[in-house]
PDB file of N, CA and C in Angstrom:
ATOM      1  N   UNK A   1      11.078   4.161   7.103  1.00  0.00           N
ATOM      2  CA  UNK A   1      10.945   3.024   7.991  1.00  0.00           C
ATOM      3  C   UNK A   1       9.510   2.926   8.470  1.00  0.00           C
ATOM      4  N   UNK A   2       9.167   1.840   9.068  1.00  0.00           N
ATOM      5  CA  UNK A   2       7.797   1.602   9.513  1.00  0.00           C
ATOM      6  C   UNK A   2       7.402   2.554  10.623  1.00  0.00           C
ATOM      7  N   UNK A   3       6.081   2.759  10.722  1.00  0.00           N
ATOM      8  CA  UNK A   3       5.516   3.562  11.802  1.00  0.00           C
ATOM      9  C   UNK A   3       4.684   2.648  12.686  1.00  0.00           C
ATOM     10  N   UNK A   4       5.324   1.742  13.396  1.00  0.00           N
ATOM     11  CA  UNK A   4       4.541   0.768  14.148  1.00  0.00           C
ATOM     12  C   UNK A   4       3.717   1.412  15.248  1.00  0.00           C
ATOM     13  N   UNK A   5       2.544   0.868  15.424  1.00  0.00           N
ATOM     14  CA  UNK A   5       1.678   1.320  16.510  1.00  0.00           C
ATOM     15  C   UNK A   5       1.900   0.454  17.722  1.00  0.00           C
ATOM     16  N   UNK A   6       0.893   0.337  18.535  1.00  0.00           N
ATOM     17  CA  UNK A   6       1.001  -0.506  19.717  1.00  0.00           C
ATOM     18  C   UNK A   6       1.325  -1.922  19.288  1.00  0.00           C
ATOM     19  N   UNK A   7       2.261  -2.543  19.966  1.00  0.00           N
ATOM     20  CA  UNK A   7       2.663  -3.892  19.626  1.00  0.00           C
ATOM     21  C   UNK A   7       3.633  -3.938  18.448  1.00  0.00           C
ATOM     22  N   UNK A   8       4.018  -2.782  17.902  1.00  0.00           N
ATOM     23  CA  UNK A   8       4.976  -2.746  16.814  1.00  0.00           C
ATOM     24  C   UNK A   8       4.419  -3.156  15.471  1.00  0.00           C
ATOM     25  N   UNK A   9       3.108  -3.237  15.324  1.00  0.00           N
ATOM     26  CA  UNK A   9       2.490  -3.711  14.100  1.00  0.00           C
ATOM     27  C   UNK A   9       2.037  -2.558  13.215  1.00  0.00           C
ATOM     28  N   UNK A  10       2.256  -2.703  11.931  1.00  0.00           N
ATOM     29  CA  UNK A  10       1.745  -1.730  10.983  1.00  0.00           C
ATOM     30  C   UNK A  10       0.231  -1.870  10.878  1.00  0.00           C
ATOM     31  N   UNK A  11      -0.425  -0.793  10.554  1.00  0.00           N
ATOM     32  CA  UNK A  11      -1.880  -0.760  10.437  1.00  0.00           C
ATOM     33  C   UNK A  11      -2.256  -0.244   9.045  1.00  0.00           C
ATOM     34  N   UNK A  12      -3.287  -0.837   8.441  1.00  0.00           N
ATOM     35  CA  UNK A  12      -3.734  -0.353   7.140  1.00  0.00           C
ATOM     36  C   UNK A  12      -4.158   1.106   7.223  1.00  0.00           C
ATOM     37  N   UNK A  13      -5.036   1.431   8.149  1.00  0.00           N
ATOM     38  CA  UNK A  13      -5.575   2.798   8.238  1.00  0.00           C
ATOM     39  C   UNK A  13      -4.488   3.828   8.537  1.00  0.00           C
ATOM     40  N   UNK A  14      -3.602   3.515   9.435  1.00  0.00           N
ATOM     41  CA  UNK A  14      -2.592   4.479   9.876  1.00  0.00           C
ATOM     42  C   UNK A  14      -1.378   4.531   8.958  1.00  0.00           C
ATOM     43  N   UNK A  15      -0.933   3.377   8.449  1.00  0.00           N
ATOM     44  CA  UNK A  15       0.348   3.311   7.764  1.00  0.00           C
ATOM     45  C   UNK A  15       0.274   3.078   6.253  1.00  0.00           C
ATOM     46  N   UNK A  16      -0.714   2.328   5.795  1.00  0.00           N
ATOM     47  CA  UNK A  16      -0.757   1.926   4.383  1.00  0.00           C
ATOM     48  C   UNK A  16      -1.704   2.787   3.560  1.00  0.00           C
ATOM     49  N   UNK A  17      -2.906   2.968   4.023  1.00  0.00           N
ATOM     50  CA  UNK A  17      -3.878   3.780   3.274  1.00  0.00           C
ATOM     51  C   UNK A  17      -3.334   5.170   2.933  1.00  0.00           C
ATOM     52  N   UNK A  18      -2.626   5.851   3.856  1.00  0.00           N
ATOM     53  CA  UNK A  18      -2.099   7.180   3.520  1.00  0.00           C
ATOM     54  C   UNK A  18      -1.029   7.184   2.415  1.00  0.00           C
ATOM     55  N   UNK A  19      -0.488   6.025   2.072  1.00  0.00           N
ATOM     56  CA  UNK A  19       0.477   5.960   0.980  1.00  0.00           C
ATOM     57  C   UNK A  19      -0.186   6.245  -0.370  1.00  0.00           C
ATOM     58  N   UNK A  20      -1.487   5.975  -0.441  1.00  0.00           N
ATOM     59  CA  UNK A  20      -2.229   6.138  -1.690  1.00  0.00           C
ATOM     60  C   UNK A  20      -2.944   7.475  -1.708  1.00  0.00           C
ATOM     61  N   UNK A  21      -2.740   8.215  -2.783  1.00  0.00           N
ATOM     62  CA  UNK A  21      -3.385   9.519  -2.945  1.00  0.00           C
ATOM     63  C   UNK A  21      -4.760   9.339  -3.591  1.00  0.00           C
ATOM     64  N   UNK A  22      -5.634  10.337  -3.448  1.00  0.00           N
ATOM     65  CA  UNK A  22      -6.937  10.244  -4.110  1.00  0.00           C
ATOM     66  C   UNK A  22      -6.810   9.991  -5.619  1.00  0.00           C
ATOM     67  N   UNK A  23      -5.819  10.573  -6.262  1.00  0.00           N
ATOM     68  CA  UNK A  23      -5.640  10.343  -7.704  1.00  0.00           C
ATOM     69  C   UNK A  23      -5.236   8.899  -8.000  1.00  0.00           C
ATOM     70  N   UNK A  24      -4.473   8.269  -7.098  1.00  0.00           N
ATOM     71  CA  UNK A  24      -4.127   6.851  -7.259  1.00  0.00           C
ATOM     72  C   UNK A  24      -5.385   6.002  -7.161  1.00  0.00           C
ATOM     73  N   UNK A  25      -6.216   6.329  -6.167  1.00  0.00           N
ATOM     74  CA  UNK A  25      -7.466   5.596  -5.969  1.00  0.00           C
ATOM     75  C   UNK A  25      -8.345   5.714  -7.204  1.00  0.00           C
ATOM     76  N   UNK A  26      -8.514   6.933  -7.695  1.00  0.00           N
ATOM     77  CA  UNK A  26      -9.358   7.159  -8.867  1.00  0.00           C
ATOM     78  C   UNK A  26      -8.864   6.351 -10.067  1.00  0.00           C
ATOM     79  N   UNK A  27      -7.545   6.316 -10.264  1.00  0.00           N
ATOM     80  CA  UNK A  27      -6.968   5.612 -11.400  1.00  0.00           C
ATOM     81  C   UNK A  27      -7.186   4.102 -11.324  1.00  0.00           C
ATOM     82  N   UNK A  28      -7.308   3.563 -10.118  1.00  0.00           N
ATOM     83  CA  UNK A  28      -7.418   2.109  -9.940  1.00  0.00           C
ATOM     84  C   UNK A  28      -8.831   1.609  -9.649  1.00  0.00           C
ATOM     85  N   UNK A  29      -9.808   2.503  -9.554  1.00  0.00           N
ATOM     86  CA  UNK A  29     -11.163   2.108  -9.133  1.00  0.00           C
ATOM     87  C   UNK A  29     -11.791   1.039 -10.024  1.00  0.00           C
ATOM     88  N   UNK A  30     -11.410   0.953 -11.280  1.00  0.00           N
ATOM     89  CA  UNK A  30     -11.989  -0.077 -12.140  1.00  0.00           C
ATOM     90  C   UNK A  30     -11.509  -1.477 -11.743  1.00  0.00           C
ATOM     91  N   UNK A  31     -10.380  -1.551 -11.045  1.00  0.00           N
ATOM     92  CA  UNK A  31      -9.829  -2.836 -10.619  1.00  0.00           C
ATOM     93  C   UNK A  31     -10.111  -3.123  -9.144  1.00  0.00           C
ATOM     94  N   UNK A  32      -9.846  -2.133  -8.284  1.00  0.00           N
ATOM     95  CA  UNK A  32     -10.061  -2.254  -6.840  1.00  0.00           C
ATOM     96  C   UNK A  32      -9.930  -0.889  -6.206  1.00  0.00           C
ATOM     97  N   UNK A  33     -10.340  -0.813  -4.951  1.00  0.00           N
ATOM     98  CA  UNK A  33     -10.352   0.447  -4.203  1.00  0.00           C
ATOM     99  C   UNK A  33      -9.136   0.501  -3.282  1.00  0.00           C
ATOM    100  N   UNK A  34      -8.219   1.408  -3.568  1.00  0.00           N
ATOM    101  CA  UNK A  34      -7.009   1.527  -2.753  1.00  0.00           C
ATOM    102  C   UNK A  34      -7.268   2.072  -1.353  1.00  0.00           C
ATOM    103  N   UNK A  35      -8.463   2.554  -1.092  1.00  0.00           N
ATOM    104  CA  UNK A  35      -8.799   3.036   0.246  1.00  0.00           C
ATOM    105  C   UNK A  35      -9.568   1.987   1.047  1.00  0.00           C
ATOM    106  N   UNK A  36      -9.743   0.794   0.481  1.00  0.00           N
ATOM    107  CA  UNK A  36     -10.494  -0.278   1.134  1.00  0.00           C
ATOM    108  C   UNK A  36      -9.531  -1.373   1.577  1.00  0.00           C
ATOM    109  N   UNK A  37      -9.535  -1.665   2.874  1.00  0.00           N
ATOM    110  CA  UNK A  37      -8.609  -2.655   3.421  1.00  0.00           C
ATOM    111  C   UNK A  37      -8.692  -3.992   2.684  1.00  0.00           C
ATOM    112  N   UNK A  38      -9.897  -4.532   2.525  1.00  0.00           N
ATOM    113  CA  UNK A  38     -10.048  -5.856   1.911  1.00  0.00           C
ATOM    114  C   UNK A  38      -9.521  -5.874   0.480  1.00  0.00           C
ATOM    115  N   UNK A  39      -9.808  -4.834  -0.291  1.00  0.00           N
ATOM    116  CA  UNK A  39      -9.323  -4.781  -1.668  1.00  0.00           C
ATOM    117  C   UNK A  39      -7.799  -4.718  -1.715  1.00  0.00           C
ATOM    118  N   UNK A  40      -7.203  -3.913  -0.869  1.00  0.00           N
ATOM    119  CA  UNK A  40      -5.738  -3.793  -0.866  1.00  0.00           C
ATOM    120  C   UNK A  40      -5.106  -5.088  -0.352  1.00  0.00           C
ATOM    121  N   UNK A  41      -5.645  -5.657   0.701  1.00  0.00           N
ATOM    122  CA  UNK A  41      -5.098  -6.905   1.232  1.00  0.00           C
ATOM    123  C   UNK A  41      -5.194  -8.031   0.196  1.00  0.00           C
ATOM    124  N   UNK A  42      -6.325  -8.116  -0.494  1.00  0.00           N
ATOM    125  CA  UNK A  42      -6.510  -9.163  -1.504  1.00  0.00           C
ATOM    126  C   UNK A  42      -5.587  -8.996  -2.701  1.00  0.00           C
ATOM    127  N   UNK A  43      -5.177  -7.782  -2.982  1.00  0.00           N
ATOM    128  CA  UNK A  43      -4.344  -7.489  -4.151  1.00  0.00           C
ATOM    129  C   UNK A  43      -2.944  -7.007  -3.785  1.00  0.00           C
ATOM    130  N   UNK A  44      -2.546  -7.229  -2.543  1.00  0.00           N
ATOM    131  CA  UNK A  44      -1.300  -6.660  -2.023  1.00  0.00           C
ATOM    132  C   UNK A  44      -0.073  -7.054  -2.834  1.00  0.00           C
ATOM    133  N   UNK A  45       0.052  -8.315  -3.204  1.00  0.00           N
ATOM    134  CA  UNK A  45       1.239  -8.734  -3.955  1.00  0.00           C
ATOM    135  C   UNK A  45       1.292  -8.068  -5.329  1.00  0.00           C
ATOM    136  N   UNK A  46       0.150  -7.958  -5.990  1.00  0.00           N
ATOM    137  CA  UNK A  46       0.108  -7.294  -7.296  1.00  0.00           C
ATOM    138  C   UNK A  46       0.418  -5.804  -7.149  1.00  0.00           C
ATOM    139  N   UNK A  47      -0.093  -5.193  -6.085  1.00  0.00           N
ATOM    140  CA  UNK A  47       0.149  -3.761  -5.865  1.00  0.00           C
ATOM    141  C   UNK A  47       1.631  -3.502  -5.623  1.00  0.00           C
ATOM    142  N   UNK A  48       2.248  -4.253  -4.732  1.00  0.00           N
ATOM    143  CA  UNK A  48       3.675  -4.015  -4.460  1.00  0.00           C
ATOM    144  C   UNK A  48       4.509  -4.329  -5.696  1.00  0.00           C
ATOM    145  N   UNK A  49       4.108  -5.317  -6.480  1.00  0.00           N
ATOM    146  CA  UNK A  49       4.814  -5.610  -7.719  1.00  0.00           C
ATOM    147  C   UNK A  49       4.727  -4.456  -8.706  1.00  0.00           C
ATOM    148  N   UNK A  50       3.532  -3.865  -8.824  1.00  0.00           N
ATOM    149  CA  UNK A  50       3.333  -2.732  -9.726  1.00  0.00           C
ATOM    150  C   UNK A  50       4.115  -1.510  -9.252  1.00  0.00           C
ATOM    151  N   UNK A  51       4.160  -1.314  -7.937  1.00  0.00           N
ATOM    152  CA  UNK A  51       4.918  -0.185  -7.385  1.00  0.00           C
ATOM    153  C   UNK A  51       6.415  -0.396  -7.624  1.00  0.00           C
ATOM    154  N   UNK A  52       6.901  -1.603  -7.376  1.00  0.00           N
ATOM    155  CA  UNK A  52       8.331  -1.885  -7.568  1.00  0.00           C
ATOM    156  C   UNK A  52       8.746  -1.745  -9.033  1.00  0.00           C
ATOM    157  N   UNK A  53       7.870  -2.142  -9.956  1.00  0.00           N
ATOM    158  CA  UNK A  53       8.209  -2.095 -11.384  1.00  0.00           C
ATOM    159  C   UNK A  53       8.029  -0.707 -11.994  1.00  0.00           C
ATOM    160  N   UNK A  54       7.384   0.199 -11.252  1.00  0.00           N
ATOM    161  CA  UNK A  54       7.155   1.540 -11.758  1.00  0.00           C
ATOM    162  C   UNK A  54       5.849   1.700 -12.517  1.00  0.00           C
ATOM    163  N   UNK A  55       5.043   0.628 -12.591  1.00  0.00           N
ATOM    164  CA  UNK A  55       3.747   0.714 -13.265  1.00  0.00           C
ATOM    165  C   UNK A  55       2.748   1.530 -12.456  1.00  0.00           C
ATOM    166  N   UNK A  56       2.987   1.632 -11.186  1.00  0.00           N
ATOM    167  CA  UNK A  56       2.084   2.314 -10.282  1.00  0.00           C
ATOM    168  C   UNK A  56       2.920   3.080  -9.267  1.00  0.00           C
ATOM    169  N   UNK A  57       2.573   4.273  -8.922  1.00  0.00           N
ATOM    170  CA  UNK A  57       1.587   5.140  -9.566  1.00  0.00           C
ATOM    171  C   UNK A  57       2.105   5.598 -10.918  1.00  0.00           C
ATOM    172  N   UNK A  58       1.210   6.136 -11.714  1.00  0.00           N
ATOM    173  CA  UNK A  58       1.572   6.432 -13.102  1.00  0.00           C
ATOM    174  C   UNK A  58       2.388   7.715 -13.255  1.00  0.00           C
ATOM    175  N   UNK A  59       2.466   8.559 -12.226  1.00  0.00           N
ATOM    176  CA  UNK A  59       3.140   9.843 -12.411  1.00  0.00           C
ATOM    177  C   UNK A  59       4.571   9.907 -11.875  1.00  0.00           C
ATOM    178  N   UNK A  60       4.878   9.191 -10.810  1.00  0.00           N
ATOM    179  CA  UNK A  60       6.238   9.215 -10.262  1.00  0.00           C
ATOM    180  C   UNK A  60       6.433   8.021  -9.349  1.00  0.00           C
ATOM    181  N   UNK A  61       7.650   7.491  -9.288  1.00  0.00           N
ATOM    182  CA  UNK A  61       7.887   6.325  -8.433  1.00  0.00           C
ATOM    183  C   UNK A  61       7.824   6.679  -6.948  1.00  0.00           C
ATOM    184  N   UNK A  62       7.469   5.692  -6.159  1.00  0.00           N
ATOM    185  CA  UNK A  62       7.469   5.856  -4.707  1.00  0.00           C
ATOM    186  C   UNK A  62       8.897   5.850  -4.185  1.00  0.00           C
ATOM    187  N   UNK A  63       9.151   6.587  -3.107  1.00  0.00           N
ATOM    188  CA  UNK A  63      10.444   6.452  -2.424  1.00  0.00           C
ATOM    189  C   UNK A  63      10.593   5.028  -1.880  1.00  0.00           C
ATOM    190  N   UNK A  64      11.822   4.578  -1.785  1.00  0.00           N
ATOM    191  CA  UNK A  64      12.079   3.226  -1.272  1.00  0.00           C
ATOM    192  C   UNK A  64      11.440   2.999   0.090  1.00  0.00           C
ATOM    193  N   UNK A  65      11.410   4.028   0.934  1.00  0.00           N
ATOM    194  CA  UNK A  65      10.846   3.862   2.277  1.00  0.00           C
ATOM    195  C   UNK A  65       9.361   3.495   2.222  1.00  0.00           C
ATOM    196  N   UNK A  66       8.631   4.039   1.246  1.00  0.00           N
ATOM    197  CA  UNK A  66       7.209   3.715   1.117  1.00  0.00           C
ATOM    198  C   UNK A  66       7.021   2.300   0.585  1.00  0.00           C
ATOM    199  N   UNK A  67       7.828   1.906  -0.380  1.00  0.00           N
ATOM    200  CA  UNK A  67       7.759   0.549  -0.911  1.00  0.00           C
ATOM    201  C   UNK A  67       8.083  -0.445   0.202  1.00  0.00           C
ATOM    202  N   UNK A  68       9.108  -0.138   0.979  1.00  0.00           N
ATOM    203  CA  UNK A  68       9.499  -1.014   2.093  1.00  0.00           C
ATOM    204  C   UNK A  68       8.378  -1.137   3.118  1.00  0.00           C
ATOM    205  N   UNK A  69       7.702  -0.034   3.398  1.00  0.00           N
ATOM    206  CA  UNK A  69       6.603  -0.070   4.370  1.00  0.00           C
ATOM    207  C   UNK A  69       5.476  -0.974   3.869  1.00  0.00           C
ATOM    208  N   UNK A  70       5.131  -0.841   2.596  1.00  0.00           N
ATOM    209  CA  UNK A  70       4.094  -1.699   2.030  1.00  0.00           C
ATOM    210  C   UNK A  70       4.515  -3.159   2.095  1.00  0.00           C
ATOM    211  N   UNK A  71       5.760  -3.455   1.770  1.00  0.00           N
ATOM    212  CA  UNK A  71       6.252  -4.832   1.821  1.00  0.00           C
ATOM    213  C   UNK A  71       6.259  -5.367   3.255  1.00  0.00           C
ATOM    214  N   UNK A  72       6.649  -4.538   4.211  1.00  0.00           N
ATOM    215  CA  UNK A  72       6.634  -4.966   5.619  1.00  0.00           C
ATOM    216  C   UNK A  72       5.210  -5.305   6.057  1.00  0.00           C
ATOM    217  N   UNK A  73       4.249  -4.517   5.630  1.00  0.00           N
ATOM    218  CA  UNK A  73       2.849  -4.766   5.961  1.00  0.00           C
ATOM    219  C   UNK A  73       2.397  -6.107   5.373  1.00  0.00           C
ATOM    220  N   UNK A  74       2.782  -6.374   4.137  1.00  0.00           N
ATOM    221  CA  UNK A  74       2.445  -7.654   3.495  1.00  0.00           C
ATOM    222  C   UNK A  74       3.108  -8.802   4.241  1.00  0.00           C
ATOM    223  N   UNK A  75       4.391  -8.638   4.541  1.00  0.00           N
ATOM    224  CA  UNK A  75       5.149  -9.692   5.240  1.00  0.00           C
ATOM    225  C   UNK A  75       4.572  -9.966   6.623  1.00  0.00           C
ATOM    226  N   UNK A  76       3.944  -8.960   7.227  1.00  0.00           N
ATOM    227  CA  UNK A  76       3.336  -9.120   8.557  1.00  0.00           C
ATOM    228  C   UNK A  76       1.939  -9.746   8.474  1.00  0.00           C
ATOM    229  N   UNK A  77       1.492 -10.056   7.262  1.00  0.00           N
ATOM    230  CA  UNK A  77       0.179 -10.695   7.118  1.00  0.00           C
ATOM    231  C   UNK A  77      -0.948  -9.733   6.822  1.00  0.00           C
ATOM    232  N   UNK A  78      -0.656  -8.537   6.347  1.00  0.00           N
ATOM    233  CA  UNK A  78      -1.623  -7.494   6.005  1.00  0.00           C
ATOM    234  C   UNK A  78      -2.577  -7.181   7.169  1.00  0.00           C
ATOM    235  N   UNK A  79      -2.026  -6.808   8.333  1.00  0.00           N
ATOM    236  CA  UNK A  79      -2.906  -6.511   9.476  1.00  0.00           C
ATOM    237  C   UNK A  79      -3.799  -5.310   9.209  1.00  0.00           C
ATOM    238  N   UNK A  80      -5.026  -5.423   9.730  1.00  0.00           N
ATOM    239  CA  UNK A  80      -5.970  -4.314   9.598  1.00  0.00           C
ATOM    240  C   UNK A  80      -5.509  -3.169  10.474  1.00  0.00           C
TER     241      UNK A  80
END
């Protein structure tokens, strides 16, 4: 489930960035930086689609709770 901060809003730095491991970042650097808010926000729909389809990450699927958290962040307007 979400880890809302003050005001109940998800945060990129606190809630979303930690979902991505350094190896995930390295694998995607040719396309975008998973540790950069603007890059993730700009590509959020493609990222959640890749996670849901199993294309990302390449080694093992995310637990449903992590996918849900990413989707909640997108649905909330990708707050910083």
